[in-house]
Amino acid sequence: MGYKKSIKAFTLVEMLIVIAIIGVLMGVMTVSYSAIRQRARDTKRVKNIEQIQTALKLYFYNESSYPDNLTFDQALTGSTSSTTYMQIIPSAPTPTDGNCTSRQNAGGYTANIASSSYQVAFCLGNRVGNLSAGPKCLTPSGIIDMDCTPFACGDQLNITIIGNHVCNTSAPDYDTCSYSTVQIGTQCWTKQNLNIGSIVSGATTQANNDILEKYCYNDNTDNCLTDGGLYKQDEAMQYSAAKGTQGICPSGWHLPSDAEQNTLDQYLNDTTCDANRVNARDCANAGTKLKAGGSSGFEGLL
């Protein structure tokens, strides 16, 4: 009788099970590797911010102010000296992680007018040490939980306070605290007229009394909500005679000067607008484009 050697092999079912197990393991490895890379990017973001914070401290110590501007991927040099405080200002790793937007991840630097303080925006997709996920803001006193991503025209402009007046959407002020913005040529404008201040009747004279006051057309609060508040020129300028003064505008914004208004008119009127605007129709095309439903994007009451 001949001897026949038995050969062991996988059945089809066993092979399918093995393939499925390998697929699951590969999926787990991919997810784990992705999570590791995300954590590494977040750790790098924090390290970058710590390095920037150190460089800004040295800058302030030697220059007696913070830089007006800070550009990522470029050197940080002194304003009153040739000292280099950072060879390359590191930009945030990409891609974005967690719920961070691309703009939040890119961050940005802003200094106050006196260059005595600053904000550097960044965003974490995951917790890093004591820092939770989400938008963060580096300040001279440390990192705080706040989105300080620099404003870009087209963003929503949110107002909390102007002067002594706290924006209040309910009675008795019925303010508008959020405004759309639009880029027109080289300028950025709010799309709507401002509506902020304490309502006074049309029979009351707006006065220099540290109270931001507004009229509503025909003494009807609904008109303030639809068309914006009405202000005498002195009240609008907050009793300043300076061109381009902030007036009743939020921080970082100002009332347009005549030259800025003419720049707007020229852009919308194909450079044929009379800078002096002596006649009612010197800038007719610009007015047509600026009125509600016009092509400029501005929707305020003219």
Protein backbone atom coordinates (compact mmCIF):
# COMPACT_ATOMS: atom_id res chain seq x y z
CA MET A 1 0.00 0.00 0.00
CA GLY A 2 1.42 3.33 -1.00
CA TYR A 3 1.94 6.14 1.59
CA LYS A 4 0.14 9.42 0.88
CA LYS A 5 1.35 12.48 2.81
CA SER A 6 -1.40 14.73 4.21
CA ILE A 7 -1.00 18.43 3.24
CA LYS A 8 -2.52 21.05 5.55
CA ALA A 9 -3.98 24.26 4.05
CA PHE A 10 -6.38 27.09 4.84
CA THR A 11 -9.96 26.70 3.85
CA LEU A 12 -11.62 29.56 1.96
CA VAL A 13 -13.49 30.65 5.10
CA GLU A 14 -10.29 30.70 7.14
CA MET A 15 -8.53 32.79 4.50
CA LEU A 16 -11.38 35.32 4.48
CA ILE A 17 -11.23 35.57 8.28
CA VAL A 18 -7.46 36.17 8.20
CA ILE A 19 -7.84 38.87 5.53
CA ALA A 20 -10.56 40.57 7.58
CA ILE A 21 -8.36 40.53 10.71
CA ILE A 22 -5.43 42.01 8.78
CA GLY A 23 -7.74 44.74 7.43
CA VAL A 24 -8.94 45.62 10.94
CA LEU A 25 -5.38 45.73 12.27
CA MET A 26 -4.27 47.96 9.40
CA GLY A 27 -7.22 50.28 10.06
CA VAL A 28 -6.35 50.51 13.76
CA MET A 29 -2.71 51.20 12.91
CA THR A 30 -3.72 53.94 10.43
CA VAL A 31 -6.04 55.62 12.96
CA SER A 32 -3.39 55.41 15.68
CA TYR A 33 -0.71 56.83 13.38
CA SER A 34 -3.03 59.66 12.34
CA ALA A 35 -3.76 60.51 15.98
CA ILE A 36 -0.02 60.50 16.77
CA ARG A 37 0.65 62.91 13.91
CA GLN A 38 -2.15 65.22 15.07
CA ARG A 39 -0.74 65.31 18.60
CA ALA A 40 2.73 65.99 17.19
CA ARG A 41 1.41 68.96 15.19
CA ASP A 42 -0.34 70.38 18.26
CA THR A 43 2.82 69.98 20.33
CA LYS A 44 4.74 71.80 17.60
CA ARG A 45 2.17 74.63 17.66
CA VAL A 46 2.67 75.11 21.39
CA LYS A 47 6.47 75.01 21.05
CA ASN A 48 6.29 77.62 18.28
CA ILE A 49 4.20 79.92 20.46
CA GLU A 50 6.59 79.52 23.41
CA GLN A 51 9.53 80.47 21.17
CA ILE A 52 7.65 83.51 19.83
CA GLN A 53 6.76 84.55 23.38
CA THR A 54 10.42 84.42 24.42
CA ALA A 55 11.51 86.42 21.37
CA LEU A 56 8.86 89.08 22.04
CA LYS A 57 9.96 89.39 25.67
CA LEU A 58 13.54 90.05 24.56
CA TYR A 59 12.31 92.47 21.90
CA PHE A 60 10.30 94.48 24.42
CA TYR A 61 13.18 94.51 26.93
CA ASN A 62 15.60 95.97 24.38
CA GLU A 63 13.30 98.05 22.17
CA SER A 64 10.90 99.32 24.90
CA SER A 65 7.92 98.31 22.76
CA TYR A 66 6.54 95.34 20.87
CA PRO A 67 6.88 95.15 17.08
CA ASP A 68 4.14 96.78 15.01
CA ASN A 69 4.04 93.74 12.75
CA LEU A 70 5.21 90.15 12.87
CA THR A 71 5.41 88.04 9.72
CA PHE A 72 5.64 84.26 9.91
CA ASP A 73 8.55 82.54 8.14
CA GLN A 74 10.60 85.74 8.32
CA ALA A 75 13.11 87.11 10.81
CA LEU A 76 12.19 89.30 13.77
CA THR A 77 14.59 92.24 13.92
CA GLY A 78 14.63 95.33 16.10
CA SER A 79 12.94 98.61 15.24
CA THR A 80 15.63 100.77 16.87
CA SER A 81 18.53 98.36 16.48
CA SER A 82 19.86 95.74 14.08
CA THR A 83 19.41 92.97 16.65
CA THR A 84 17.82 89.77 15.37
CA TYR A 85 15.52 88.32 18.01
CA MET A 86 14.38 85.35 15.95
CA GLN A 87 15.95 84.02 12.76
CA ILE A 88 12.69 82.56 11.45
CA ILE A 89 9.29 83.14 13.05
CA PRO A 90 7.73 79.67 12.78
CA SER A 91 4.37 79.29 11.07
CA ALA A 92 1.77 76.79 12.25
CA PRO A 93 1.97 73.19 11.02
CA THR A 94 -0.57 72.06 8.46
CA PRO A 95 -3.11 70.60 7.91
CA THR A 96 -5.53 71.94 10.51
CA ASP A 97 -6.64 69.65 13.32
CA GLY A 98 -9.80 69.25 15.38
CA ASN A 99 -12.38 71.99 14.88
CA CYS A 100 -9.81 74.66 13.99
CA THR A 101 -10.44 76.59 10.78
CA SER A 102 -7.61 77.27 8.36
CA ARG A 103 -7.56 80.95 9.39
CA GLN A 104 -7.49 80.05 13.08
CA ASN A 105 -4.64 77.63 12.42
CA ALA A 106 -2.69 80.21 10.41
CA GLY A 107 -3.09 82.61 13.34
CA GLY A 108 -1.72 86.10 13.24
CA TYR A 109 -0.17 88.91 15.25
CA THR A 110 -1.69 92.23 16.27
CA ALA A 111 -0.23 94.97 18.47
CA ASN A 112 -2.15 97.78 20.13
CA ILE A 113 -1.72 101.37 18.95
CA ALA A 114 1.01 102.13 21.50
CA SER A 115 2.79 98.81 20.78
CA SER A 116 2.67 98.16 24.53
CA SER A 117 0.75 94.90 24.18
CA TYR A 118 0.09 92.24 21.57
CA GLN A 119 -1.98 89.19 20.67
CA VAL A 120 -0.85 86.11 18.76
CA ALA A 121 -3.64 83.81 17.62
CA PHE A 122 -3.26 80.05 17.28
CA CYS A 123 -5.48 76.97 17.51
CA LEU A 124 -5.10 73.47 18.95
CA GLY A 125 -6.92 70.44 17.61
CA ASN A 126 -6.40 68.47 20.82
CA ARG A 127 -5.46 69.08 24.44
CA VAL A 128 -1.77 69.73 25.04
CA GLY A 129 -0.82 69.66 28.72
CA ASN A 130 -3.06 72.16 30.50
CA LEU A 131 -4.21 73.74 27.24
CA SER A 132 -7.58 72.56 25.98
CA ALA A 133 -8.45 72.19 22.30
CA GLY A 134 -9.71 75.19 20.37
CA PRO A 135 -8.69 78.79 19.57
CA LYS A 136 -6.05 80.32 21.84
CA CYS A 137 -4.47 83.74 22.22
CA LEU A 138 -0.93 84.50 23.39
CA THR A 139 -0.62 87.79 25.28
CA PRO A 140 2.24 89.32 27.29
CA SER A 141 0.68 87.80 30.42
CA GLY A 142 0.33 84.31 28.94
CA ILE A 143 -2.05 82.13 26.92
CA ILE A 144 -5.79 82.66 27.29
CA ASP A 145 -8.83 80.82 25.89
CA MET A 146 -9.91 83.36 23.29
CA ASP A 147 -10.09 83.57 19.52
CA CYS A 148 -7.97 86.60 18.59
CA THR A 149 -7.58 85.71 14.92
CA PRO A 150 -6.92 89.05 13.17
CA PHE A 151 -9.94 90.61 11.49
CA ALA A 152 -10.19 90.34 7.71
CA CYS A 153 -12.61 92.35 5.64
CA GLY A 154 -15.66 90.21 5.00
CA ASP A 155 -15.67 88.95 8.59
CA GLN A 156 -18.55 89.77 10.88
CA LEU A 157 -17.87 92.83 13.06
CA ASN A 158 -19.19 92.30 16.59
CA ILE A 159 -19.48 95.25 18.97
CA THR A 160 -19.59 94.95 22.75
CA ILE A 161 -18.89 98.50 23.87
CA ILE A 162 -18.23 101.94 22.37
CA GLY A 163 -17.11 104.62 24.78
CA ASN A 164 -19.31 104.26 27.86
CA HIS A 165 -22.13 102.57 25.97
CA VAL A 166 -22.55 98.81 26.23
CA CYS A 167 -24.21 97.40 23.11
CA ASN A 168 -27.73 96.26 24.00
CA THR A 169 -30.08 94.64 21.48
CA SER A 170 -33.10 94.80 23.80
CA ALA A 171 -35.02 97.69 25.40
CA PRO A 172 -34.42 100.54 25.85
CA ASP A 173 -31.60 100.88 23.28
CA TYR A 174 -32.42 98.32 20.58
CA ASP A 175 -28.83 98.45 19.30
CA THR A 176 -27.43 96.44 16.43
CA CYS A 177 -24.31 94.71 17.76
CA SER A 178 -23.24 92.68 14.72
CA TYR A 179 -22.42 94.05 11.26
CA SER A 180 -21.38 92.52 7.96
CA THR A 181 -18.35 94.05 6.25
CA VAL A 182 -17.47 94.42 2.59
CA GLN A 183 -14.32 95.19 0.61
CA ILE A 184 -14.88 97.98 -1.92
CA GLY A 185 -11.73 98.69 -3.86
CA THR A 186 -8.92 99.06 -1.33
CA GLN A 187 -11.26 100.02 1.50
CA CYS A 188 -13.24 98.02 4.04
CA TRP A 189 -16.71 99.26 5.01
CA THR A 190 -19.55 98.03 7.18
CA LYS A 191 -22.46 96.95 5.02
CA GLN A 192 -25.03 98.65 7.26
CA ASN A 193 -25.35 102.00 8.98
CA LEU A 194 -24.39 101.97 12.66
CA ASN A 195 -27.19 101.65 15.16
CA ILE A 196 -25.77 102.04 18.63
CA GLY A 197 -26.46 104.42 21.50
CA SER A 198 -29.18 105.50 23.89
CA ILE A 199 -32.35 106.53 22.07
CA VAL A 200 -33.45 110.14 22.53
CA SER A 201 -36.51 111.79 21.03
CA GLY A 202 -36.25 114.04 18.02
CA ALA A 203 -37.10 116.99 20.25
CA THR A 204 -33.96 116.39 22.33
CA THR A 205 -30.64 117.91 21.31
CA GLN A 206 -27.77 115.42 21.28
CA ALA A 207 -25.12 116.82 23.61
CA ASN A 208 -21.52 116.35 24.67
CA ASN A 209 -22.45 114.58 27.90
CA ASP A 210 -20.46 111.30 27.78
CA ILE A 211 -23.64 109.54 26.64
CA LEU A 212 -23.72 108.07 23.14
CA GLU A 213 -27.09 109.26 21.84
CA LYS A 214 -29.04 108.40 18.70
CA TYR A 215 -32.31 109.33 17.05
CA CYS A 216 -34.66 106.88 15.39
CA TYR A 217 -36.44 108.29 12.35
CA ASN A 218 -39.92 109.51 13.26
CA ASP A 219 -39.16 108.41 16.86
CA ASN A 220 -39.88 104.83 15.81
CA THR A 221 -37.41 102.24 17.15
CA ASP A 222 -38.17 99.95 14.20
CA ASN A 223 -36.53 102.51 11.92
CA CYS A 224 -33.29 102.30 13.91
CA LEU A 225 -33.28 98.53 13.44
CA THR A 226 -33.89 98.68 9.70
CA ASP A 227 -32.04 101.86 8.67
CA GLY A 228 -29.60 102.55 11.52
CA GLY A 229 -29.42 105.31 14.09
CA LEU A 230 -29.38 109.00 13.21
CA TYR A 231 -26.68 111.27 14.65
CA LYS A 232 -25.84 114.92 14.44
CA GLN A 233 -22.35 115.43 13.02
CA ASP A 234 -20.84 116.49 16.35
CA GLU A 235 -22.32 113.45 18.08
CA ALA A 236 -21.14 111.13 15.32
CA MET A 237 -17.61 112.53 15.62
CA GLN A 238 -17.85 112.48 19.43
CA TYR A 239 -16.99 116.18 19.46
CA SER A 240 -13.62 115.78 17.76
CA ALA A 241 -12.58 117.96 14.83
CA ALA A 242 -9.89 115.55 13.61
CA LYS A 243 -10.28 114.00 10.17
CA GLY A 244 -10.84 110.27 10.24
CA THR A 245 -11.70 110.28 13.94
CA GLN A 246 -13.08 107.12 15.56
CA GLY A 247 -16.21 108.91 16.73
CA ILE A 248 -19.08 106.49 17.33
CA CYS A 249 -17.25 103.68 15.52
CA PRO A 250 -15.92 100.56 17.28
CA SER A 251 -12.23 100.26 18.16
CA GLY A 252 -10.05 99.98 15.06
CA TRP A 253 -12.61 101.73 12.85
CA HIS A 254 -13.20 105.40 12.07
CA LEU A 255 -15.54 107.80 10.32
CA PRO A 256 -14.40 108.29 6.70
CA SER A 257 -12.65 111.51 5.84
CA ASP A 258 -13.70 113.47 2.76
CA ALA A 259 -10.66 112.11 0.92
CA GLU A 260 -11.61 108.53 1.79
CA GLN A 261 -15.18 109.16 0.69
CA ASN A 262 -13.87 110.51 -2.61
CA THR A 263 -11.70 107.40 -3.05
CA LEU A 264 -14.84 105.31 -2.67
CA ASP A 265 -16.76 107.51 -5.10
CA GLN A 266 -13.96 107.39 -7.67
CA TYR A 267 -13.73 103.60 -7.46
CA LEU A 268 -17.46 103.19 -8.02
CA ASN A 269 -17.79 106.00 -10.57
CA ASP A 270 -14.98 104.94 -12.90
CA THR A 271 -12.68 107.83 -11.81
CA THR A 272 -14.97 110.53 -13.24
CA CYS A 273 -16.34 111.74 -9.91
CA ASP A 274 -15.79 115.40 -9.01
CA ALA A 275 -13.70 115.42 -5.83
CA ASN A 276 -15.49 118.58 -4.67
CA ARG A 277 -18.96 117.11 -5.30
CA VAL A 278 -20.53 120.53 -5.81
CA ASN A 279 -23.62 119.27 -7.62
CA ALA A 280 -26.08 116.61 -6.54
CA ARG A 281 -25.17 114.31 -9.44
CA ASP A 282 -21.39 114.70 -9.40
CA CYS A 283 -21.16 111.10 -8.21
CA ALA A 284 -24.48 109.76 -9.46
CA ASN A 285 -23.10 106.41 -10.61
CA ALA A 286 -21.42 105.84 -7.25
CA GLY A 287 -24.67 106.62 -5.41
CA THR A 288 -26.58 104.16 -7.57
CA LYS A 289 -24.09 101.43 -6.76
CA LEU A 290 -24.09 102.23 -3.02
CA LYS A 291 -27.84 102.27 -2.48
CA ALA A 292 -29.68 99.17 -1.25
CA GLY A 293 -29.66 96.53 -3.96
CA GLY A 294 -26.74 98.22 -5.75
CA SER A 295 -23.65 96.42 -6.99
CA SER A 296 -21.18 97.66 -4.34
CA GLY A 297 -22.29 95.32 -1.54
CA PHE A 298 -23.11 98.26 0.75
CA GLU A 299 -26.69 98.07 2.01
CA GLY A 300 -26.91 101.15 4.23
CA LEU A 301 -29.31 104.05 3.99
CA LEU A 302 -27.91 106.93 1.93
